[in-house]
Amino acid sequence: MLRWIGIFSLLLLAGCAHKKTEADRGDEAKVVTPVEVAVANRETIRRAIKAEGVLYPVVQANIVPKISAPVLKFYAQRGDHVRAGQLLAVLENRDLAAATRESKQLYEQADAGLQNVKSATLPEDLLKAKSDVTATRQTLEAAQKIYKSREALVKEGALAQKVLDDAKVSLVQAQSAYDVAQQHLTSLETVGQAAQLRSSQAQVDAAEARYQSAEAQSSYAEVRSPIQGLVADRPLNIGEMASSGSALFTVVDISRIVARTNI
């Protein structure tokens, strides 16, 4: 009896499972999922983004004058294309030009002095020093002869001792004058000549440096473009004061630009 009850229970459970499976299948058959079909191709991924931005040149020059002076003349306007080294403006430079001329004259004067030292002054000084040596040597020789002569006469009793003493004083003075003249000549022939040449050359070098500095300052009145490009800004007009602390021109090279934007 128990055997038949077990078999009946198993058949009942199998029937319930079969009914639940068919019900589930019916529910699933009602769900429809849309599917798009496309052919797969190999291509480059492209993505375009639109945004507002500001364009900047890769190369830009804000040209600031090196001196402060009124603008005398402009050679470029806004929008003009300029090349590297082109003259853009000229500033007032009459005072600088005058200083340049003065420095040039001082330089030429110093150079003439050096040439004079080389060709005239030193030879004349040497000639005079040699002449002084010759004259003092002759005086010394004469004083020596007089002293010896009077010394012999004093020994013979023909002259007083005072006359010999006076001759000795003259001899000492002549010897001293000769020594001084000889030292002066030696100094000119060795140290003096070289020192005088060095001094004159130093004066020429200093005058030349001042002249070059003044010439450079005067050249700063010419404002030139350091790059090739387009004049984007020129804030001043003729007669207004250009300052060494603010840009007189802005030149941009628009052959290459950079866009800056927020994405």
Protein backbone atom coordinates (compact mmCIF):
# COMPACT_ATOMS: atom_id res chain seq x y z
CA MET A 1 0.00 0.00 0.00
CA LEU A 2 2.72 2.41 0.86
CA ARG A 3 4.41 1.59 -2.41
CA TRP A 4 1.44 2.78 -4.46
CA ILE A 5 1.11 5.99 -2.44
CA GLY A 6 4.75 6.93 -3.23
CA ILE A 7 4.35 6.34 -6.94
CA PHE A 8 1.21 8.53 -7.01
CA SER A 9 3.02 11.42 -5.31
CA LEU A 10 5.85 11.37 -7.81
CA LEU A 11 3.44 11.49 -10.76
CA LEU A 12 1.57 14.43 -9.19
CA LEU A 13 4.81 16.48 -8.73
CA ALA A 14 5.94 15.83 -12.31
CA GLY A 15 2.64 17.07 -13.65
CA CYS A 16 2.85 20.33 -11.67
CA ALA A 17 6.40 20.98 -12.88
CA HIS A 18 5.35 20.40 -16.45
CA LYS A 19 2.52 22.93 -16.20
CA LYS A 20 4.81 25.61 -14.63
CA THR A 21 7.39 25.22 -17.38
CA GLU A 22 4.89 25.70 -20.14
CA ALA A 23 3.46 28.79 -18.40
CA ASP A 24 6.91 30.32 -18.09
CA ARG A 25 7.56 29.67 -21.74
CA GLY A 26 4.39 31.48 -22.65
CA ASP A 27 5.42 34.54 -20.68
CA GLU A 28 8.87 34.60 -22.29
CA ALA A 29 7.37 34.30 -25.77
CA LYS A 30 5.45 37.54 -25.15
CA VAL A 31 8.71 39.65 -24.52
CA VAL A 32 10.11 41.15 -27.82
CA THR A 33 13.55 42.84 -27.90
CA PRO A 34 14.27 45.14 -30.95
CA VAL A 35 17.64 44.50 -32.61
CA GLU A 36 19.42 46.66 -35.25
CA VAL A 37 21.56 44.82 -37.71
CA ALA A 38 24.54 46.48 -39.45
CA VAL A 39 27.55 45.40 -41.43
CA ALA A 40 30.83 45.66 -39.47
CA ASN A 41 33.45 47.77 -41.31
CA ARG A 42 36.95 48.94 -40.34
CA GLU A 43 36.99 52.82 -40.17
CA THR A 44 38.70 55.73 -38.28
CA ILE A 45 36.79 57.00 -35.28
CA ARG A 46 35.93 60.68 -35.82
CA ARG A 47 34.66 63.07 -33.20
CA ALA A 48 34.08 66.78 -33.86
CA ILE A 49 33.69 69.20 -30.94
CA LYS A 50 32.44 72.74 -31.47
CA ALA A 51 33.51 75.39 -28.92
CA GLU A 52 34.32 79.09 -28.76
CA GLY A 53 38.01 79.98 -28.35
CA VAL A 54 40.61 82.72 -28.69
CA LEU A 55 43.36 82.57 -31.32
CA TYR A 56 46.94 83.43 -30.29
CA PRO A 57 50.02 83.68 -32.52
CA VAL A 58 52.85 81.29 -31.75
CA VAL A 59 55.39 84.13 -32.25
CA GLN A 60 54.65 87.66 -31.01
CA ALA A 61 56.87 90.68 -30.27
CA ASN A 62 55.99 93.63 -28.06
CA ILE A 63 58.52 96.21 -29.27
CA VAL A 64 59.60 98.50 -26.42
CA PRO A 65 61.94 101.44 -27.24
CA LYS A 66 65.22 101.58 -25.31
CA ILE A 67 64.97 105.36 -24.78
CA SER A 68 62.14 107.71 -23.82
CA ALA A 69 61.57 110.38 -26.45
CA PRO A 70 58.77 111.89 -28.58
CA VAL A 71 57.83 110.04 -31.76
CA LEU A 72 59.25 111.88 -34.76
CA LYS A 73 57.91 109.68 -37.58
CA PHE A 74 56.10 106.39 -38.14
CA TYR A 75 56.89 104.06 -41.03
CA ALA A 76 54.27 101.38 -40.25
CA GLN A 77 50.57 101.40 -39.42
CA ARG A 78 48.18 98.85 -37.92
CA GLY A 79 47.62 95.98 -40.28
CA ASP A 80 50.87 96.46 -42.23
CA HIS A 81 53.01 93.44 -43.00
CA VAL A 82 56.62 94.03 -41.90
CA ARG A 83 59.82 92.04 -42.22
CA ALA A 84 62.54 91.40 -39.66
CA GLY A 85 64.83 94.42 -39.28
CA GLN A 86 62.43 96.83 -40.99
CA LEU A 87 62.38 100.41 -39.69
CA LEU A 88 59.05 101.07 -37.96
CA ALA A 89 59.52 104.47 -36.29
CA VAL A 90 62.07 107.18 -35.49
CA LEU A 91 62.20 108.98 -32.15
CA GLU A 92 63.49 112.52 -31.49
CA ASN A 93 67.27 112.26 -30.99
CA ARG A 94 68.84 115.69 -31.52
CA ASP A 95 70.40 115.69 -28.05
CA LEU A 96 71.79 112.20 -28.57
CA ALA A 97 73.16 113.13 -31.97
CA ALA A 98 74.92 116.17 -30.46
CA ALA A 99 76.40 114.00 -27.70
CA THR A 100 77.61 111.55 -30.35
CA ARG A 101 79.35 114.30 -32.31
CA GLU A 102 81.01 115.62 -29.16
CA SER A 103 82.22 112.15 -28.18
CA LYS A 104 83.57 111.60 -31.67
CA GLN A 105 85.56 114.84 -31.54
CA LEU A 106 87.00 113.94 -28.13
CA TYR A 107 87.99 110.54 -29.46
CA GLU A 108 89.69 112.10 -32.49
CA GLN A 109 91.48 114.57 -30.21
CA ALA A 110 92.76 111.78 -27.96
CA ASP A 111 93.91 109.77 -30.95
CA ALA A 112 95.75 112.80 -32.34
CA GLY A 113 97.43 113.24 -28.95
CA LEU A 114 98.59 109.63 -29.05
CA GLN A 115 100.04 110.06 -32.51
CA ASN A 116 101.75 113.24 -31.36
CA VAL A 117 103.29 111.38 -28.44
CA LYS A 118 104.53 108.65 -30.76
CA SER A 119 105.90 110.88 -33.46
CA ALA A 120 106.82 114.22 -31.87
CA THR A 121 106.68 114.58 -28.10
CA LEU A 122 108.81 111.62 -27.14
CA PRO A 123 111.55 112.28 -29.70
CA GLU A 124 111.66 115.92 -28.64
CA ASP A 125 111.83 114.96 -24.97
CA LEU A 126 114.59 112.47 -25.67
CA LEU A 127 116.49 115.01 -27.73
CA LYS A 128 116.24 117.61 -24.96
CA ALA A 129 117.25 115.06 -22.31
CA LYS A 130 120.30 114.04 -24.34
CA SER A 131 121.19 117.69 -24.87
CA ASP A 132 120.92 118.32 -21.11
CA VAL A 133 123.20 115.37 -20.41
CA THR A 134 125.78 116.67 -22.87
CA ALA A 135 125.65 120.20 -21.47
CA THR A 136 125.89 119.10 -17.83
CA ARG A 137 128.73 116.72 -18.66
CA GLN A 138 130.67 119.54 -20.29
CA THR A 139 130.01 121.77 -17.29
CA LEU A 140 131.15 118.98 -14.98
CA GLU A 141 134.35 118.45 -16.96
CA ALA A 142 135.09 122.18 -16.90
CA ALA A 143 134.45 122.32 -13.14
CA GLN A 144 136.78 119.37 -12.62
CA LYS A 145 139.56 121.09 -14.59
CA ILE A 146 139.11 124.33 -12.67
CA TYR A 147 139.17 122.50 -9.35
CA LYS A 148 142.33 120.59 -10.20
CA SER A 149 144.02 123.76 -11.47
CA ARG A 150 143.13 125.76 -8.38
CA GLU A 151 144.06 122.86 -6.13
CA ALA A 152 147.58 122.91 -7.63
CA LEU A 153 147.84 126.69 -7.23
CA VAL A 154 146.72 126.48 -3.59
CA LYS A 155 149.40 123.88 -2.91
CA GLU A 156 151.95 126.28 -4.42
CA GLY A 157 150.58 129.08 -2.28
CA ALA A 158 149.47 131.14 -5.27
CA LEU A 159 145.74 131.12 -4.32
CA ALA A 160 143.79 131.30 -1.12
CA GLN A 161 141.94 128.25 0.28
CA LYS A 162 138.60 130.02 -0.18
CA VAL A 163 139.05 130.07 -3.95
CA LEU A 164 139.56 126.30 -3.89
CA ASP A 165 136.50 125.84 -1.69
CA ASP A 166 134.39 127.84 -4.17
CA ALA A 167 135.67 125.69 -7.01
CA LYS A 168 134.74 122.57 -5.04
CA VAL A 169 131.19 123.84 -4.54
CA SER A 170 130.87 124.49 -8.27
CA LEU A 171 132.18 120.98 -8.95
CA VAL A 172 129.64 119.39 -6.61
CA GLN A 173 126.81 121.38 -8.23
CA ALA A 174 127.94 120.39 -11.71
CA GLN A 175 128.13 116.73 -10.67
CA SER A 176 124.61 116.89 -9.22
CA ALA A 177 123.19 118.51 -12.37
CA TYR A 178 124.83 115.88 -14.51
CA ASP A 179 123.43 113.03 -12.39
CA VAL A 180 119.90 114.46 -12.59
CA ALA A 181 120.11 114.88 -16.37
CA GLN A 182 121.45 111.35 -16.78
CA GLN A 183 118.64 109.86 -14.65
CA HIS A 184 116.02 111.79 -16.61
CA LEU A 185 117.39 110.48 -19.88
CA THR A 186 117.45 106.93 -18.58
CA SER A 187 113.86 107.27 -17.36
CA LEU A 188 112.68 108.49 -20.75
CA GLU A 189 114.51 105.73 -22.57
CA THR A 190 113.03 102.98 -20.37
CA VAL A 191 110.05 103.52 -18.09
CA GLY A 192 108.98 107.04 -18.99
CA GLN A 193 108.45 106.45 -22.68
CA ALA A 194 106.42 103.27 -22.18
CA ALA A 195 104.33 104.84 -19.40
CA GLN A 196 103.57 107.91 -21.46
CA LEU A 197 102.51 105.75 -24.38
CA ARG A 198 100.29 103.64 -22.13
CA SER A 199 98.72 106.74 -20.66
CA SER A 200 97.98 108.21 -24.07
CA GLN A 201 96.61 104.87 -25.32
CA ALA A 202 94.34 104.59 -22.27
CA GLN A 203 92.93 108.04 -22.97
CA VAL A 204 92.23 107.01 -26.57
CA ASP A 205 90.49 103.80 -25.43
CA ALA A 206 88.31 105.65 -22.93
CA ALA A 207 87.34 108.27 -25.51
CA GLU A 208 86.52 105.55 -28.03
CA ALA A 209 84.32 103.72 -25.50
CA ARG A 210 82.40 106.92 -24.74
CA TYR A 211 81.97 107.54 -28.47
CA GLN A 212 80.66 104.02 -29.07
CA SER A 213 78.25 104.35 -26.14
CA ALA A 214 76.91 107.67 -27.45
CA GLU A 215 76.60 106.23 -30.94
CA ALA A 216 74.63 103.26 -29.59
CA GLN A 217 72.32 105.55 -27.64
CA SER A 218 71.69 107.58 -30.77
CA SER A 219 70.89 104.43 -32.78
CA TYR A 220 68.19 103.50 -30.24
CA ALA A 221 66.07 106.28 -31.72
CA GLU A 222 65.41 103.96 -34.68
CA VAL A 223 62.80 101.35 -33.74
CA ARG A 224 62.97 98.19 -35.86
CA SER A 225 60.95 94.98 -35.97
CA PRO A 226 62.72 91.90 -34.61
CA ILE A 227 60.42 89.47 -36.48
CA GLN A 228 58.40 89.18 -39.65
CA GLY A 229 54.68 89.54 -39.17
CA LEU A 230 51.67 91.83 -38.94
CA VAL A 231 51.44 95.08 -36.96
CA ALA A 232 48.63 94.29 -34.51
CA ASP A 233 48.85 97.40 -32.33
CA ARG A 234 50.40 100.88 -32.40
CA PRO A 235 49.03 102.84 -29.46
CA LEU A 236 50.80 106.21 -29.97
CA ASN A 237 50.68 108.96 -32.57
CA ILE A 238 53.36 111.30 -33.91
CA GLY A 239 54.55 113.76 -31.26
CA GLU A 240 53.50 111.65 -28.29
CA MET A 241 56.09 110.50 -25.78
CA ALA A 242 57.36 106.95 -26.28
CA SER A 243 58.40 105.40 -22.98
CA SER A 244 61.05 102.79 -22.43
CA GLY A 245 58.61 100.94 -20.19
CA SER A 246 55.71 100.42 -22.63
CA ALA A 247 55.35 98.80 -26.05
CA LEU A 248 55.40 101.09 -29.07
CA PHE A 249 54.40 98.30 -31.49
CA THR A 250 52.98 94.81 -31.25
CA VAL A 251 53.95 92.58 -34.17
CA VAL A 252 52.44 89.09 -34.53
CA ASP A 253 53.39 86.24 -36.82
CA ILE A 254 50.06 84.68 -37.87
CA SER A 255 51.61 81.96 -40.02
CA ARG A 256 51.15 79.68 -36.99
CA ILE A 257 48.44 80.20 -34.39
CA VAL A 258 47.14 78.45 -31.28
CA ALA A 259 43.46 78.25 -30.27
CA ARG A 260 42.73 78.34 -26.54
CA THR A 261 39.27 77.15 -25.48
CA ASN A 262 37.48 75.45 -22.60
CA ILE A 263 36.20 71.92 -23.38
